[in-house]
């Protein structure tokens, strides 16, 4: 009788551990899925930030090019004693 009780107790303990392990595996899978979703969201946000920075850089470069062209025309107009519009045509 003692052996039967010990066997039953061991079986109950094994089932308890098995159920606990299954819950742990499920929790680990959920954690991994959540981490993957977070990483994906962070990558998307970083991509959007890079795109915005590239757009801002392009706009700044365009403005700088326009200012340089204007300054060059003004300098040429001063040197050649003409208007800025005439210097831009040259």
C-alpha atoms as a PDB file:
ATOM      1  CA  UNK A   1       0.000   0.000   0.000  1.00  0.00           C
ATOM      2  CA  UNK A   2       2.847   2.288   0.744  1.00  0.00           C
ATOM      3  CA  UNK A   3       4.255   1.814  -2.741  1.00  0.00           C
ATOM      4  CA  UNK A   4       0.907   2.685  -4.304  1.00  0.00           C
ATOM      5  CA  UNK A   5       0.659   5.903  -2.300  1.00  0.00           C
ATOM      6  CA  UNK A   6       4.250   6.843  -3.190  1.00  0.00           C
ATOM      7  CA  UNK A   7       3.616   6.048  -6.855  1.00  0.00           C
ATOM      8  CA  UNK A   8       0.446   8.166  -6.836  1.00  0.00           C
ATOM      9  CA  UNK A   9       2.255  11.032  -5.139  1.00  0.00           C
ATOM     10  CA  UNK A  10       5.123  10.804  -7.628  1.00  0.00           C
ATOM     11  CA  UNK A  11       2.642  10.763 -10.513  1.00  0.00           C
ATOM     12  CA  UNK A  12       0.823  13.805  -9.135  1.00  0.00           C
ATOM     13  CA  UNK A  13       4.115  15.634  -8.718  1.00  0.00           C
ATOM     14  CA  UNK A  14       5.136  14.777 -12.286  1.00  0.00           C
ATOM     15  CA  UNK A  15       1.816  16.067 -13.639  1.00  0.00           C
ATOM     16  CA  UNK A  16       2.171  19.257 -11.629  1.00  0.00           C
ATOM     17  CA  UNK A  17       5.696  19.848 -12.937  1.00  0.00           C
ATOM     18  CA  UNK A  18       4.618  19.036 -16.468  1.00  0.00           C
ATOM     19  CA  UNK A  19       1.757  21.535 -16.306  1.00  0.00           C
ATOM     20  CA  UNK A  20       4.075  24.125 -14.788  1.00  0.00           C
ATOM     21  CA  UNK A  21       6.635  23.562 -17.534  1.00  0.00           C
ATOM     22  CA  UNK A  22       3.954  23.959 -20.204  1.00  0.00           C
ATOM     23  CA  UNK A  23       2.871  27.270 -18.660  1.00  0.00           C
ATOM     24  CA  UNK A  24       6.500  28.375 -18.555  1.00  0.00           C
ATOM     25  CA  UNK A  25       6.972  27.458 -22.218  1.00  0.00           C
ATOM     26  CA  UNK A  26       3.814  29.366 -23.155  1.00  0.00           C
ATOM     27  CA  UNK A  27       4.958  32.386 -21.177  1.00  0.00           C
ATOM     28  CA  UNK A  28       8.390  32.248 -22.802  1.00  0.00           C
ATOM     29  CA  UNK A  29       6.812  32.064 -26.256  1.00  0.00           C
ATOM     30  CA  UNK A  30       4.570  35.036 -25.477  1.00  0.00           C
ATOM     31  CA  UNK A  31       7.569  36.992 -24.191  1.00  0.00           C
ATOM     32  CA  UNK A  32       9.555  36.214 -27.333  1.00  0.00           C
ATOM     33  CA  UNK A  33       6.616  37.281 -29.529  1.00  0.00           C
ATOM     34  CA  UNK A  34       6.244  40.523 -27.598  1.00  0.00           C
ATOM     35  CA  UNK A  35       9.976  41.215 -27.859  1.00  0.00           C
ATOM     36  CA  UNK A  36       9.865  40.589 -31.610  1.00  0.00           C
ATOM     37  CA  UNK A  37       6.901  42.961 -31.983  1.00  0.00           C
ATOM     38  CA  UNK A  38       8.738  45.616 -29.973  1.00  0.00           C
ATOM     39  CA  UNK A  39      11.876  45.220 -32.068  1.00  0.00           C
ATOM     40  CA  UNK A  40       9.824  45.494 -35.256  1.00  0.00           C
ATOM     41  CA  UNK A  41       8.090  48.646 -34.008  1.00  0.00           C
ATOM     42  CA  UNK A  42      11.440  50.164 -33.024  1.00  0.00           C
ATOM     43  CA  UNK A  43      12.907  49.344 -36.437  1.00  0.00           C
ATOM     44  CA  UNK A  44       9.925  51.005 -38.135  1.00  0.00           C
ATOM     45  CA  UNK A  45      10.308  54.103 -35.964  1.00  0.00           C
ATOM     46  CA  UNK A  46      14.037  54.250 -36.683  1.00  0.00           C
ATOM     47  CA  UNK A  47      13.369  53.937 -40.411  1.00  0.00           C
ATOM     48  CA  UNK A  48      10.886  56.796 -40.265  1.00  0.00           C
ATOM     49  CA  UNK A  49      13.397  58.927 -38.354  1.00  0.00           C
ATOM     50  CA  UNK A  50      16.082  58.224 -40.953  1.00  0.00           C
ATOM     51  CA  UNK A  51      13.679  59.131 -43.754  1.00  0.00           C
ATOM     52  CA  UNK A  52      12.774  62.396 -42.035  1.00  0.00           C
ATOM     53  CA  UNK A  53      16.444  63.238 -41.490  1.00  0.00           C
ATOM     54  CA  UNK A  54      17.219  62.520 -45.148  1.00  0.00           C
ATOM     55  CA  UNK A  55      14.352  64.766 -46.253  1.00  0.00           C
ATOM     56  CA  UNK A  56      15.545  67.565 -43.973  1.00  0.00           C
ATOM     57  CA  UNK A  57      19.104  67.190 -45.259  1.00  0.00           C
ATOM     58  CA  UNK A  58      17.936  67.345 -48.866  1.00  0.00           C
ATOM     59  CA  UNK A  59      15.887  70.472 -48.174  1.00  0.00           C
ATOM     60  CA  UNK A  60      18.843  72.132 -46.453  1.00  0.00           C
ATOM     61  CA  UNK A  61      21.148  71.231 -49.337  1.00  0.00           C
ATOM     62  CA  UNK A  62      18.675  72.700 -51.832  1.00  0.00           C
ATOM     63  CA  UNK A  63      18.446  75.915 -49.826  1.00  0.00           C
ATOM     64  CA  UNK A  64      22.237  76.101 -49.558  1.00  0.00           C
ATOM     65  CA  UNK A  65      22.612  75.605 -53.319  1.00  0.00           C
ATOM     66  CA  UNK A  66      20.113  78.391 -54.008  1.00  0.00           C
ATOM     67  CA  UNK A  67      21.888  80.725 -51.594  1.00  0.00           C
ATOM     68  CA  UNK A  68      25.252  79.908 -53.174  1.00  0.00           C
ATOM     69  CA  UNK A  69      23.909  80.615 -56.660  1.00  0.00           C
ATOM     70  CA  UNK A  70      22.462  83.913 -55.471  1.00  0.00           C
ATOM     71  CA  UNK A  71      25.729  84.909 -53.765  1.00  0.00           C
ATOM     72  CA  UNK A  72      27.750  83.997 -56.855  1.00  0.00           C
ATOM     73  CA  UNK A  73      25.455  86.102 -59.058  1.00  0.00           C
ATOM     74  CA  UNK A  74      25.724  89.026 -56.647  1.00  0.00           C
ATOM     75  CA  UNK A  75      29.520  88.777 -56.618  1.00  0.00           C
ATOM     76  CA  UNK A  76      29.673  88.591 -60.406  1.00  0.00           C
ATOM     77  CA  UNK A  77      27.305  91.546 -60.712  1.00  0.00           C
ATOM     78  CA  UNK A  78      29.524  93.580 -58.401  1.00  0.00           C
ATOM     79  CA  UNK A  79      32.717  92.711 -60.267  1.00  0.00           C
ATOM     80  CA  UNK A  80      31.295  93.222 -63.763  1.00  0.00           C
ATOM     81  CA  UNK A  81      29.234  96.271 -62.821  1.00  0.00           C
ATOM     82  CA  UNK A  82      25.904  94.744 -63.861  1.00  0.00           C
ATOM     83  CA  UNK A  83      22.644  93.785 -62.210  1.00  0.00           C
ATOM     84  CA  UNK A  84      22.223  90.481 -60.399  1.00  0.00           C
ATOM     85  CA  UNK A  85      19.675  89.396 -63.011  1.00  0.00           C
ATOM     86  CA  UNK A  86      22.198  90.065 -65.798  1.00  0.00           C
ATOM     87  CA  UNK A  87      24.860  88.133 -63.897  1.00  0.00           C
ATOM     88  CA  UNK A  88      22.497  85.163 -63.473  1.00  0.00           C
ATOM     89  CA  UNK A  89      22.008  85.031 -67.242  1.00  0.00           C
ATOM     90  CA  UNK A  90      25.764  84.914 -67.864  1.00  0.00           C
END
